[in-house]
Protein backbone atom coordinates (compact mmCIF):
# COMPACT_ATOMS: atom_id res chain seq x y z
CA MET A 1 -89.66 -107.64 -168.17
CA PRO A 2 -92.83 -110.72 -168.98
CA ALA A 3 -95.94 -110.02 -167.39
CA ARG A 4 -96.05 -112.07 -164.27
CA VAL A 5 -98.94 -113.99 -162.46
CA THR A 6 -97.69 -115.40 -158.94
CA VAL A 7 -99.91 -118.53 -157.87
CA VAL A 8 -100.88 -118.94 -154.28
CA GLY A 9 -102.59 -121.60 -152.36
CA LEU A 10 -104.98 -120.60 -149.43
CA GLY A 11 -104.37 -124.08 -147.98
CA PRO A 12 -107.32 -126.88 -147.51
CA GLY A 13 -109.54 -125.13 -144.97
CA GLY A 14 -109.44 -122.22 -142.48
CA PRO A 15 -106.50 -119.37 -142.08
CA ASP A 16 -104.66 -121.33 -139.97
CA LEU A 17 -103.36 -123.93 -142.59
CA VAL A 18 -102.39 -120.95 -145.06
CA THR A 19 -98.70 -121.14 -145.23
CA ALA A 20 -96.19 -118.32 -144.06
CA GLY A 21 -95.06 -118.42 -148.33
CA THR A 22 -98.82 -117.48 -149.08
CA LEU A 23 -98.67 -114.64 -146.06
CA ALA A 24 -95.96 -113.23 -147.63
CA GLU A 25 -96.95 -113.23 -151.10
CA VAL A 26 -100.39 -111.58 -150.51
CA ALA A 27 -98.53 -108.56 -148.21
CA VAL A 28 -97.20 -107.33 -151.66
CA ASP A 29 -99.16 -104.21 -153.10
CA ARG A 30 -100.61 -105.22 -156.35
CA PRO A 31 -103.54 -106.00 -158.02
CA ARG A 32 -104.73 -109.78 -156.58
CA PHE A 33 -107.40 -112.20 -157.95
CA VAL A 34 -109.01 -115.16 -156.24
CA ARG A 35 -110.45 -117.65 -158.17
CA THR A 36 -113.81 -118.05 -155.29
CA THR A 37 -114.64 -116.47 -152.38
CA ARG A 38 -116.49 -119.56 -151.44
CA HIS A 39 -113.39 -120.62 -149.80
CA PRO A 40 -112.89 -120.13 -146.18
CA ALA A 41 -109.35 -118.97 -146.35
CA SER A 42 -110.26 -116.52 -149.17
CA GLY A 43 -110.85 -113.54 -146.49
CA ILE A 44 -106.91 -113.16 -146.28
CA VAL A 45 -107.01 -112.17 -149.86
CA THR A 46 -107.87 -108.22 -149.57
CA ASP A 47 -109.11 -106.27 -151.92
CA ALA A 48 -109.17 -109.04 -154.43
CA VAL A 49 -111.35 -109.51 -157.50
CA SER A 50 -113.09 -113.36 -157.56
CA PHE A 51 -114.08 -114.84 -160.54
CA ASP A 52 -117.16 -116.31 -158.69
CA ASP A 53 -119.71 -114.23 -161.77
CA VAL A 54 -117.73 -115.95 -164.40
CA TYR A 55 -118.51 -119.62 -162.54
CA ASP A 56 -122.37 -118.41 -162.13
CA GLY A 57 -122.49 -117.20 -165.70
CA ALA A 58 -121.08 -119.63 -167.58
CA GLU A 59 -123.35 -122.76 -169.37
CA ARG A 60 -120.06 -125.49 -168.68
CA ILE A 61 -117.52 -125.65 -166.10
CA ASP A 62 -115.03 -126.64 -169.52
CA GLU A 63 -115.69 -122.61 -170.35
CA VAL A 64 -114.76 -121.14 -166.71
CA TYR A 65 -111.15 -121.93 -166.96
CA PRO A 66 -110.07 -120.69 -170.32
CA ALA A 67 -111.70 -117.46 -169.46
CA ILE A 68 -110.20 -117.03 -165.76
CA VAL A 69 -107.09 -116.98 -167.88
CA GLU A 70 -107.67 -114.62 -170.22
CA GLN A 71 -108.47 -111.96 -167.61
CA LEU A 72 -105.38 -112.81 -165.22
CA CYS A 73 -103.54 -112.74 -168.58
CA ALA A 74 -105.03 -109.04 -169.53
CA ALA A 75 -104.04 -107.99 -165.78
CA ALA A 76 -100.83 -109.00 -165.77
CA GLU A 77 -100.00 -107.42 -169.13
CA GLU A 78 -101.30 -104.28 -167.82
CA HIS A 79 -100.15 -104.09 -164.54
CA GLY A 80 -97.20 -106.27 -164.84
CA SER A 81 -97.36 -108.30 -162.19
CA VAL A 82 -100.86 -109.18 -160.50
CA LEU A 83 -101.67 -111.80 -157.59
CA TYR A 84 -103.89 -115.24 -158.20
CA ALA A 85 -105.01 -117.56 -155.03
CA VAL A 86 -106.98 -120.71 -155.50
CA PRO A 87 -107.93 -123.29 -152.93
CA GLY A 88 -105.72 -126.09 -151.30
CA SER A 89 -102.06 -125.91 -153.61
CA PRO A 90 -101.64 -124.66 -156.91
CA SER A 91 -99.85 -127.21 -157.34
CA VAL A 92 -102.65 -130.46 -157.08
CA ALA A 93 -105.84 -130.19 -159.15
CA GLU A 94 -106.20 -127.03 -160.53
CA ARG A 95 -107.06 -126.52 -163.84
CA THR A 96 -106.97 -122.74 -164.16
CA VAL A 97 -103.06 -123.29 -162.65
CA GLU A 98 -102.27 -125.89 -165.99
CA LEU A 99 -103.47 -123.27 -168.68
CA LEU A 100 -101.57 -120.34 -167.47
CA VAL A 101 -98.37 -122.52 -167.16
CA ALA A 102 -98.82 -123.12 -170.89
CA ASP A 103 -99.55 -119.53 -171.83
CA ASN A 104 -96.87 -118.37 -173.24
CA ARG A 105 -97.84 -114.57 -172.94
CA VAL A 106 -97.21 -115.00 -169.10
CA GLN A 107 -94.33 -115.64 -166.82
CA THR A 108 -96.19 -117.85 -164.00
CA GLU A 109 -94.32 -118.45 -160.38
CA LEU A 110 -96.24 -121.14 -158.07
CA ILE A 111 -95.42 -120.75 -154.42
CA PRO A 112 -96.19 -123.96 -152.64
CA ALA A 113 -98.87 -124.49 -150.18
CA LEU A 114 -100.71 -127.38 -148.25
CA SER A 115 -103.33 -129.39 -150.38
CA PHE A 116 -106.55 -131.02 -149.28
CA LEU A 117 -104.64 -134.18 -149.74
CA ASP A 118 -102.23 -133.51 -146.83
CA LEU A 119 -105.32 -134.01 -144.71
CA VAL A 120 -107.17 -136.86 -146.81
CA TRP A 121 -104.11 -138.80 -146.25
CA THR A 122 -104.12 -138.09 -142.36
CA ARG A 123 -107.76 -138.67 -141.98
CA LEU A 124 -108.17 -141.72 -144.00
CA GLY A 125 -104.90 -142.87 -142.49
CA ILE A 126 -103.24 -143.68 -146.59
CA ASP A 127 -99.89 -143.64 -147.73
CA PRO A 128 -100.42 -142.13 -151.16
CA LEU A 129 -97.74 -143.93 -152.29
CA ALA A 130 -97.79 -147.23 -150.73
CA GLU A 131 -101.35 -147.54 -152.08
CA GLY A 132 -100.88 -145.97 -155.69
CA VAL A 133 -102.99 -143.62 -155.91
CA ARG A 134 -104.50 -141.59 -158.50
CA ILE A 135 -105.68 -138.21 -158.38
CA VAL A 136 -108.95 -137.15 -160.83
CA ASP A 137 -111.16 -134.49 -161.58
CA GLY A 138 -115.17 -134.97 -160.81
CA HIS A 139 -115.93 -132.56 -163.57
CA ARG A 140 -113.72 -134.95 -165.99
CA PHE A 141 -114.12 -137.96 -164.32
CA ALA A 142 -115.37 -140.53 -167.17
CA ALA A 143 -112.46 -139.54 -169.38
CA SER A 144 -109.68 -138.75 -166.50
CA ALA A 145 -110.17 -142.28 -164.64
CA ALA A 146 -110.80 -144.44 -167.80
CA GLY A 147 -109.05 -147.64 -167.24
CA GLU A 148 -108.20 -147.02 -163.92
CA ARG A 149 -109.18 -149.61 -161.55
CA GLY A 150 -108.67 -147.19 -158.08
CA PRO A 151 -107.74 -146.75 -155.39
CA LEU A 152 -108.89 -143.26 -156.64
CA VAL A 153 -109.08 -139.62 -155.12
CA VAL A 154 -112.21 -138.01 -156.79
CA CYS A 155 -111.64 -133.84 -156.20
CA GLN A 156 -114.18 -130.94 -157.25
CA CYS A 157 -117.68 -133.44 -156.28
CA ASP A 158 -119.41 -130.14 -155.97
CA SER A 159 -122.44 -130.94 -156.93
CA ARG A 160 -125.09 -133.62 -157.77
CA ASP A 161 -124.61 -133.92 -161.05
CA VAL A 162 -121.17 -134.59 -161.03
CA LEU A 163 -121.67 -137.25 -158.66
CA SER A 164 -124.20 -138.74 -160.91
CA ASP A 165 -121.91 -138.80 -163.83
CA ILE A 166 -119.38 -140.06 -161.95
CA LYS A 167 -121.85 -143.14 -160.80
CA LEU A 168 -123.00 -143.87 -164.72
CA ALA A 169 -119.37 -143.40 -165.90
CA ILE A 170 -118.27 -146.98 -163.95
CA ASP A 171 -119.88 -150.22 -165.74
CA ASP A 172 -119.15 -152.47 -162.94
CA PRO A 173 -120.02 -150.25 -159.47
CA PRO A 174 -117.71 -151.40 -156.72
CA THR A 175 -119.44 -153.77 -153.75
CA GLN A 176 -117.49 -152.26 -151.27
CA SER A 177 -118.83 -148.29 -150.27
CA VAL A 178 -116.80 -145.27 -150.44
CA THR A 179 -115.78 -142.53 -148.61
CA PHE A 180 -116.65 -138.85 -149.18
CA VAL A 181 -114.42 -136.29 -147.21
CA GLN A 182 -115.96 -133.05 -146.65
CA ARG A 183 -114.68 -129.58 -145.07
CA LEU A 184 -111.41 -131.17 -143.92
CA GLY A 185 -109.52 -128.88 -141.49
CA LEU A 186 -113.02 -126.96 -140.69
CA PRO A 187 -115.05 -127.00 -137.29
CA ASP A 188 -117.21 -129.02 -139.65
CA GLU A 189 -115.55 -131.61 -141.16
CA SER A 190 -116.85 -134.78 -142.06
CA ILE A 191 -115.80 -138.38 -143.24
CA ARG A 192 -118.86 -140.35 -144.26
CA SER A 193 -118.62 -143.83 -146.04
CA VAL A 194 -121.67 -144.60 -148.32
CA ALA A 195 -122.94 -147.39 -150.80
CA TRP A 196 -122.66 -146.96 -154.36
CA ASP A 197 -125.73 -146.65 -155.19
CA GLU A 198 -126.57 -143.98 -152.78
CA LEU A 199 -123.61 -142.04 -154.01
CA ASP A 200 -125.42 -139.27 -155.77
CA ARG A 201 -128.25 -139.15 -152.93
CA ASP A 202 -127.09 -139.83 -149.40
CA VAL A 203 -124.62 -136.63 -149.06
CA GLU A 204 -125.44 -132.78 -149.84
CA PRO A 205 -121.58 -132.24 -151.90
CA ASP A 206 -120.36 -128.83 -152.09
CA HIS A 207 -117.57 -127.11 -153.34
CA LEU A 208 -114.66 -128.66 -150.47
CA THR A 209 -116.70 -132.23 -151.02
CA SER A 210 -113.66 -135.02 -152.55
CA LEU A 211 -114.86 -138.81 -152.95
CA TYR A 212 -112.44 -141.49 -151.97
CA ILE A 213 -112.84 -145.05 -153.73
CA PRO A 214 -110.65 -147.97 -152.91
CA ARG A 215 -111.36 -149.91 -156.07
CA LEU A 216 -113.10 -150.59 -159.14
CA SER A 217 -114.27 -153.76 -160.44
CA ALA A 218 -114.19 -153.13 -163.61
CA PRO A 219 -112.15 -150.44 -165.91
CA ILE A 220 -114.14 -147.59 -167.79
CA ALA A 221 -114.12 -147.41 -171.63
CA ALA A 222 -111.57 -144.72 -172.12
CA GLU A 223 -111.53 -145.07 -175.91
CA VAL A 224 -115.68 -144.91 -176.36
CA GLN A 225 -115.72 -142.11 -173.64
CA SER A 226 -112.61 -140.12 -175.90
CA PHE A 227 -115.00 -140.80 -178.77
CA ALA A 228 -118.19 -139.29 -177.26
CA ASP A 229 -116.15 -136.14 -175.55
CA MET A 230 -114.86 -135.96 -179.28
CA VAL A 231 -118.53 -136.15 -180.97
CA ARG A 232 -119.06 -133.32 -178.92
CA VAL A 233 -116.80 -131.01 -179.61
CA LEU A 234 -117.11 -131.61 -183.57
CA ARG A 235 -121.16 -130.11 -182.62
CA GLN A 236 -120.09 -127.19 -180.95
CA GLU A 237 -117.16 -126.12 -183.45
CA CYS A 238 -117.15 -127.96 -186.94
CA PRO A 239 -120.02 -126.14 -189.16
CA TRP A 240 -121.27 -128.77 -190.43
CA ASP A 241 -121.41 -130.99 -187.90
CA ARG A 242 -123.39 -128.02 -186.04
CA GLU A 243 -126.10 -127.69 -188.75
CA GLN A 244 -126.87 -131.61 -188.47
CA THR A 245 -129.94 -133.17 -187.60
CA HIS A 246 -131.57 -136.75 -186.95
CA GLU A 247 -133.26 -136.16 -190.19
CA SER A 248 -130.72 -135.28 -192.69
CA LEU A 249 -128.09 -137.70 -190.93
CA ILE A 250 -130.81 -140.44 -192.17
CA ARG A 251 -128.70 -141.03 -195.55
CA TYR A 252 -125.24 -141.20 -193.88
CA LEU A 253 -126.88 -144.09 -191.09
CA LEU A 254 -128.38 -146.22 -194.43
CA GLU A 255 -125.00 -145.47 -196.22
CA GLU A 256 -122.69 -146.46 -193.67
CA THR A 257 -124.81 -149.20 -192.42
CA TYR A 258 -124.88 -150.74 -196.16
CA GLU A 259 -120.44 -150.18 -195.85
CA VAL A 260 -120.51 -152.23 -193.27
CA VAL A 261 -122.61 -154.99 -194.76
CA ASP A 262 -120.13 -154.75 -198.20
CA ALA A 263 -116.94 -154.79 -195.68
CA ILE A 264 -118.35 -158.18 -193.83
CA GLU A 265 -119.25 -159.77 -197.07
CA SER A 266 -115.97 -159.31 -198.66
CA GLY A 267 -114.24 -160.75 -195.56
CA ASP A 268 -111.33 -157.85 -194.80
CA SER A 269 -110.86 -157.40 -191.54
CA ASP A 270 -109.39 -154.10 -191.49
CA ASP A 271 -112.04 -152.71 -193.88
CA LEU A 272 -114.86 -153.74 -190.80
CA GLU A 273 -113.17 -152.53 -188.41
CA GLU A 274 -113.03 -149.09 -190.41
CA GLU A 275 -116.80 -149.20 -191.55
CA LEU A 276 -117.77 -150.11 -187.93
CA GLY A 277 -116.12 -146.95 -186.53
CA ASP A 278 -118.44 -145.01 -188.88
CA LEU A 279 -121.43 -146.61 -188.46
CA LEU A 280 -120.53 -146.20 -184.30
CA PHE A 281 -120.08 -142.53 -185.30
CA GLN A 282 -123.56 -142.37 -186.29
CA VAL A 283 -125.30 -143.86 -183.28
CA VAL A 284 -122.53 -141.37 -181.26
CA PHE A 285 -123.90 -138.60 -183.49
CA HIS A 286 -127.27 -139.23 -182.82
CA SER A 287 -127.03 -139.80 -178.91
CA THR A 288 -124.97 -136.53 -178.51
CA ILE A 289 -128.22 -134.94 -180.63
CA ALA A 290 -130.79 -136.26 -178.47
CA ALA A 291 -129.13 -135.19 -175.43
CA GLU A 292 -128.81 -131.26 -176.22
CA GLU A 293 -132.61 -131.97 -176.73
CA GLY A 294 -133.20 -133.54 -173.81
CA TRP A 295 -133.86 -136.83 -174.79
CA PHE A 296 -131.70 -139.24 -173.61
CA THR A 297 -127.84 -139.24 -173.23
CA LEU A 298 -125.52 -142.25 -174.93
CA ALA A 299 -125.13 -143.76 -171.49
CA ASP A 300 -128.80 -143.77 -171.68
CA VAL A 301 -128.37 -146.43 -174.94
CA ALA A 302 -126.21 -148.20 -173.36
CA ARG A 303 -127.84 -148.70 -170.10
CA GLY A 304 -131.34 -149.38 -171.90
CA VAL A 305 -130.25 -152.11 -174.87
CA ASN A 306 -127.99 -153.58 -171.54
CA GLU A 307 -131.46 -154.10 -169.75
CA LYS A 308 -133.19 -155.48 -172.84
CA LEU A 309 -131.25 -158.03 -173.34
CA VAL A 310 -130.91 -159.13 -170.34
CA ALA A 311 -134.52 -159.58 -169.76
CA ARG A 312 -134.87 -161.13 -173.48
CA HIS A 313 -132.06 -163.82 -172.29
CA PRO A 314 -133.88 -165.17 -169.17
CA HIS A 315 -131.99 -168.68 -170.53
CA VAL A 316 -128.72 -166.73 -169.93
CA PHE A 317 -129.33 -164.47 -166.73
CA GLY A 318 -132.00 -166.33 -165.23
CA ASP A 319 -133.56 -170.32 -165.21
CA ALA A 320 -135.45 -169.93 -168.33
CA HIS A 321 -135.40 -173.39 -170.19
CA VAL A 322 -135.37 -173.12 -174.19
CA ASP A 323 -136.17 -175.84 -176.71
CA GLY A 324 -133.80 -174.27 -179.34
CA VAL A 325 -133.40 -171.34 -181.58
CA GLU A 326 -136.78 -171.44 -183.16
CA ASP A 327 -138.32 -171.38 -179.58
CA LEU A 328 -136.22 -168.70 -178.42
CA LEU A 329 -137.16 -166.54 -181.39
CA ASN A 330 -140.78 -167.02 -180.75
CA ARG A 331 -140.31 -166.10 -177.02
CA TRP A 332 -138.69 -162.91 -178.18
CA GLU A 333 -141.47 -161.48 -180.67
CA LEU A 334 -144.16 -162.51 -178.40
CA GLN A 335 -141.97 -161.03 -175.30
CA LYS A 336 -140.96 -157.78 -177.42
CA VAL A 337 -145.50 -157.43 -177.55
CA THR A 338 -145.52 -157.28 -174.12
CA GLU A 339 -142.72 -154.77 -173.54
CA LYS A 340 -143.66 -152.40 -176.04
CA ASP A 341 -147.85 -152.70 -174.76
CA ARG A 342 -148.39 -153.45 -178.71
CA ASP A 343 -151.53 -154.54 -180.09
CA SER A 344 -150.28 -156.33 -182.69
CA VAL A 345 -146.69 -158.47 -183.87
CA MET A 346 -146.52 -156.73 -186.50
CA ASP A 347 -146.48 -153.68 -185.03
CA GLY A 348 -142.99 -152.22 -184.66
CA ILE A 349 -141.64 -153.80 -188.03
CA PRO A 350 -139.97 -150.36 -189.45
CA ARG A 351 -141.47 -149.50 -193.31
CA SER A 352 -138.07 -148.05 -194.40
CA LEU A 353 -136.98 -151.63 -194.63
CA PRO A 354 -135.87 -153.23 -197.93
CA ALA A 355 -138.61 -155.04 -199.80
CA LEU A 356 -137.01 -158.39 -199.23
CA LEU A 357 -135.71 -157.70 -195.52
CA LEU A 358 -140.07 -156.54 -194.96
CA ALA A 359 -141.00 -159.77 -195.96
CA ALA A 360 -139.03 -161.60 -194.18
CA LYS A 361 -139.83 -160.01 -191.09
CA VAL A 362 -143.46 -160.08 -191.54
CA GLN A 363 -143.16 -164.02 -192.23
CA LYS A 364 -141.26 -164.58 -189.35
CA LYS A 365 -143.46 -162.69 -186.79
CA ALA A 366 -146.66 -164.18 -188.09
CA ALA A 367 -144.60 -167.58 -188.04
CA SER A 368 -143.95 -166.63 -184.23
CA SER A 369 -147.76 -166.79 -183.51
CA GLY A 370 -148.09 -170.00 -184.96
CA PHE A 371 -149.14 -168.93 -188.45
CA GLY A 372 -147.15 -169.74 -191.68
CA LEU A 373 -146.48 -172.83 -194.19
CA ALA A 374 -145.13 -175.73 -192.12
CA ASN A 375 -142.51 -177.57 -194.15
CA LEU A 376 -139.63 -176.89 -197.25
CA ASP A 377 -142.91 -178.44 -199.56
CA GLY A 378 -145.44 -176.35 -198.53
CA ALA A 379 -143.49 -172.95 -199.86
CA TYR A 380 -142.43 -174.70 -202.85
CA ALA A 381 -145.87 -175.76 -203.85
CA ASP A 382 -146.72 -171.82 -203.23
CA LEU A 383 -144.50 -170.48 -204.82
CA GLY A 384 -145.37 -172.83 -207.55
CA GLY A 385 -148.95 -171.63 -207.35
CA GLU A 386 -148.03 -168.05 -207.63
CA LEU A 387 -146.21 -168.53 -210.66
CA ALA A 388 -148.75 -169.88 -211.97
CA GLU A 389 -151.36 -166.98 -211.31
CA LEU A 390 -148.50 -164.36 -212.64
CA HIS A 391 -148.65 -166.62 -215.77
CA GLU A 392 -152.38 -166.48 -216.00
CA SER A 393 -152.73 -162.57 -214.85
CA PRO A 394 -149.12 -160.29 -215.50
CA GLY A 395 -149.46 -157.87 -213.14
CA GLU A 396 -147.33 -156.19 -210.17
CA SER A 397 -149.97 -157.47 -207.52
CA GLU A 398 -149.35 -161.32 -208.87
CA LEU A 399 -146.12 -160.49 -208.83
CA GLY A 400 -145.34 -159.22 -205.54
CA ASP A 401 -146.93 -162.58 -204.50
CA VAL A 402 -144.28 -164.81 -206.50
CA LEU A 403 -141.36 -162.70 -204.62
CA PHE A 404 -143.64 -163.23 -201.15
CA ALA A 405 -143.37 -166.83 -202.12
CA ALA A 406 -140.01 -167.00 -202.77
CA VAL A 407 -139.05 -165.34 -199.33
CA GLN A 408 -141.47 -168.23 -197.30
CA VAL A 409 -138.94 -170.74 -199.33
CA ALA A 410 -136.17 -168.76 -198.12
CA ARG A 411 -137.36 -169.12 -194.28
CA GLN A 412 -137.91 -172.97 -194.51
CA LEU A 413 -134.45 -172.73 -196.23
CA SER A 414 -132.65 -170.79 -193.09
CA VAL A 415 -131.77 -168.52 -196.05
CA ASP A 416 -131.62 -164.57 -195.93
CA PRO A 417 -133.70 -163.33 -198.93
CA GLU A 418 -131.71 -160.31 -199.26
CA HIS A 419 -128.10 -161.53 -198.54
CA ALA A 420 -129.25 -164.33 -201.43
CA LEU A 421 -130.43 -161.82 -204.38
CA ARG A 422 -127.21 -159.40 -203.59
CA GLN A 423 -124.89 -162.70 -203.98
CA ALA A 424 -127.30 -163.31 -206.85
CA ALA A 425 -126.98 -159.74 -208.63
CA ASP A 426 -123.25 -160.17 -207.73
CA ARG A 427 -123.04 -163.46 -209.86
CA PHE A 428 -124.40 -161.75 -212.49
CA ALA A 429 -122.50 -159.17 -213.02
CA ASP A 430 -119.28 -160.63 -212.75
CA ARG A 431 -120.58 -163.02 -215.91
CA PHE A 432 -121.45 -159.95 -217.63
CA ARG A 433 -118.39 -158.94 -217.44
CA PHE A 434 -116.40 -162.56 -218.68
CA LEU A 435 -119.13 -161.80 -221.68
CA GLU A 436 -117.81 -157.96 -221.97
CA ILE A 437 -114.42 -159.30 -221.98
CA ARG A 438 -115.35 -162.22 -224.35
CA ALA A 439 -116.63 -159.69 -226.84
CA SER A 440 -114.04 -157.47 -226.87
CA ALA A 441 -111.71 -160.05 -227.42
CA ALA A 442 -113.90 -160.66 -230.58
CA GLY A 443 -113.78 -157.41 -231.76
CA SER A 444 -116.71 -157.02 -230.92
CA THR A 445 -119.72 -155.87 -228.27
CA ILE A 446 -122.28 -157.64 -226.52
CA ALA A 447 -125.22 -156.18 -228.96
CA GLU A 448 -123.26 -157.21 -232.23
CA THR A 449 -122.38 -160.87 -231.04
CA ASP A 450 -125.19 -164.01 -231.64
CA VAL A 451 -127.40 -165.14 -229.12
CA ALA A 452 -126.11 -168.67 -229.11
CA GLU A 453 -122.60 -167.51 -228.76
CA LEU A 454 -123.33 -165.31 -226.02
CA ILE A 455 -124.98 -168.26 -224.22
CA MET A 456 -121.83 -170.76 -224.34
CA TRP A 457 -119.52 -167.91 -223.13
CA TRP A 458 -122.32 -167.26 -220.21
CA GLN A 459 -122.02 -171.13 -219.86
CA ASP A 460 -118.18 -170.45 -219.87
CA ALA A 461 -118.73 -167.86 -216.74
CA LYS A 462 -120.81 -170.57 -214.85
CA ALA A 463 -118.17 -173.18 -215.44
CA ALA A 464 -115.04 -170.94 -214.19
CA GLU A 465 -117.02 -169.95 -211.12
CA ALA A 466 -117.36 -173.75 -209.93
């Protein structure tokens, strides 16, 4: 006969709400366990082993439920049959029961019981079928409630940390109040409506606290949350991911960034989607490591950039007026100086930028302060002067000045110098391949071909491009 775990529910409140079915099972002589003694009806299960120590010793709530199931299965295999008592009903919002039912080592029998939800519907005057209420676990709110618009009953709201996580998971908070229901069926039961902003401040939560949300203004980003959860699992369980640091990931961040650039330039939408996903992985990975170090979370990253963009777009989210794109860009540069408390507009420029991008960034910063060449003719003249100086005095410094002046021309033409040089390099590579094919067809190599012939083939390659 297989090992058996009989699961009974202690109901939503005191002993008066425990069903006759539960009392009958409790009366059977066998080893007995209660998930927690922190329930007003737990005392009816005498001589029981509780799992409060598992809760107290675990670093994360996700560690608790599998540990409880392991102990229950071991006890059932040893004794043949055990009793397991849980708060409320075994069939409602009970993660340990879900795991037990799925475990092939034991046969699990569930005894129906009164759920805390029965009291919730009564106290709030709600018909859950008519309203289409969804039940979610507060500890898994971000993933479980993703995409939902409500109404929702959120159970297991047993700490301020859980309430804070719920609050941060909603991108567009509801404008109407939400309702806390606490200790239903007990003398000190409480039903209280609060504003969303006060969710984690206005109520003292406990293990008998649930939250009713009539409606959410916008769905939660389910896929992003699922992705972030997956990255956390990789970080915990994959040896390679576990060893990574911010510093070790730099090379991958750069590689993925350049692969996104290649995908954009190729015009392949499927490739771009894939490469953006790889780049997003880097962002989430760095945020996960930062969260472990107590620096910030992915939510902080999203909230910070949201607030920054709103602040930098007063012409969109406020009543400011700008005179075109150039005026807007100049305002941004000056605003960054104020935001970051910098001494110079040149502060904060990443030194690891590719050289052409660095030159363009420096010039743009200077232009935001009103310094720089006024027009294209001036940029051409400056480039010509630098070329003359290079001719007279060849060297690294003078060549750098020529390249810097060329970037000035690019800025006046509103051309990205990095992209322009990349395109030029690609064109050169394509033309050189053309020469190799011609030389091979003539039974020779590039080195063996007459220079005049190569020049003619080069012109043919340029004509083919047109």
